[in-house]
Amino acid sequence: MVPVSYWIWLQSCLSQGSGLISDILEAYGDPKAFYEAVHACDPEVGLAGLPTLTHAQLSKCAKTPLSVSDPILERCQKAGCTAIGCDHPDYPDRLRYIYAPPAVLYYRGALAGLDEIPIITVVGTRKMTEYGRKAAVEFGTALAQAGIGVVSGMAVGVDITAMKAALKQGGYVIGVTGCGIDVNYPVENEKMRHLVAKYGCLISEYPPGTGVRKGHFPVRNRILAGLGLGALVIQAPGHSGSLITADYALEQGKDLFVVPGNLYDPTVAGNLRMLRDGCTPATEPSDVVDTYRFPYEDVLRRERLKNKERRAGRPLPPAEEAETPANLPNGESGTAPPRPTEDLTGKAGLPQDKQAPPAPVALTAPPEPKVSQPALEVFRLLGEAPMHMDEIAGALEMRISEVLCALTELEIVGAIRTYSGRRYGKKGETP
């Protein structure tokens, strides 16, 4: 792990959201090695192995001193936030392997262990209707009650309403800002930022003190999509910024859930378009929760207990837009009731088979498919139990795009089975 100052230097040389960061890390491994290569090379010749870096970009890297990180780290101390680089153990794998990962994360709150928790990105319009408000409250409430975390962009409207509903249930929430973590924007959500930092995590890739700029928010949205296992669009007009997050989610191979709306309502034009394009309709919270119930059963049980304990000692979030959902029946948790297990022994009164049980059949593992080396590595990693695409990428240190190519190759030759929720497993062993 290299000092965070090198990561801050790298981010200062390149803009947030630059794909060059992925190229640099692939070519040099870490920003310190790149820093040394930059200062050892001839600017007129350029860097071998990094043809995507232009002369102007190389010149900027050479002219930017490592000390550029000093005032930023001082501001972090004053703002009460932590700065970590991409190689830090607490840096989420869900971001490490996306395209253009943030070189630095500035955060307040609990970030460690984030990859272990099922999280859904909840987004929607700032100008929500009563329909959007009710949906945001219902889904935010039910996700937290099920043990699923909520990540959103801290904007007024759908974002903050869903987060408040989750906080009321003791849920783990993450807010991702498009400005410095210490900048009071939007002003209406100042109290919520403190609550999110205290009971969840407040994150930004922009250094403390960075002001609000319109172009920051679309770039920020790749982080919103990256932190969730899937994204849920509550209410989005035809040109909503929520659609950018939805596009990032699809590019990253995430699930995309969409709340249906009125055919003639322009405030859900984006929802209708995504549903037309084949996204998963979310007519009730269980449509989202059930996708992750099986692969994360133990984690969800643990998170539900944590949420119950946190709810008991947690103050309620600000009252604005945080009303209790009137359309949830009493006791409704947003999760399906436990399914009865099948009785395979006949002890429930069914006649037992009097024949002797068949002799056990020896099973042999399926042969390895004739595929590319990356696809073979994915095949060897998989078992019969489903594994999420993010877990595969993290375990093999591969990009999501590489994992997608490998999985497609394995699907074509019939070597793997596809499950809901972007999960994959080997086909069963054969007798």
Foldseek 3Di string as FASTA:
>chain_A
DDDCLLLVLVCVLDPQLDLVVVQCCVQQVDSVSVLVQLCVDDLVVDDPSRVVQDSVSSVSSNPRDSCVCVVLVVLLVVLVKDKDALPDQLRDLLQSQERRRQGIKIKFADRRPLNLAAEEEEDADLPDDPQLLLQLLQLLQLCLLLLYEYEYAQHHDSRVQSVLSSVLLLHAYEHEYLFALNDCPPVVCPQVSVVNSHSYMYMYSYGHPGDDDPVSVLSSLLVSLSSHLEYEYRWAAPPRSVVSNVVSNVVLVHAYEYEDDDPPDRRRNVRVVVVVVPHHYPPANQSVSVLCCVVSVVSSVVSSVSSNVSSVVDDRGDPVSHDNNPPAPPPDNRHDPDDDDDDPQCPVPRDGDPDDDDDDDDWDADDQDPDDPLLSVLLVPFAQPWDALSVSCSVVVHHSVSSVVSVVRCVVVPQWDDDGSRIIHGDDTGD
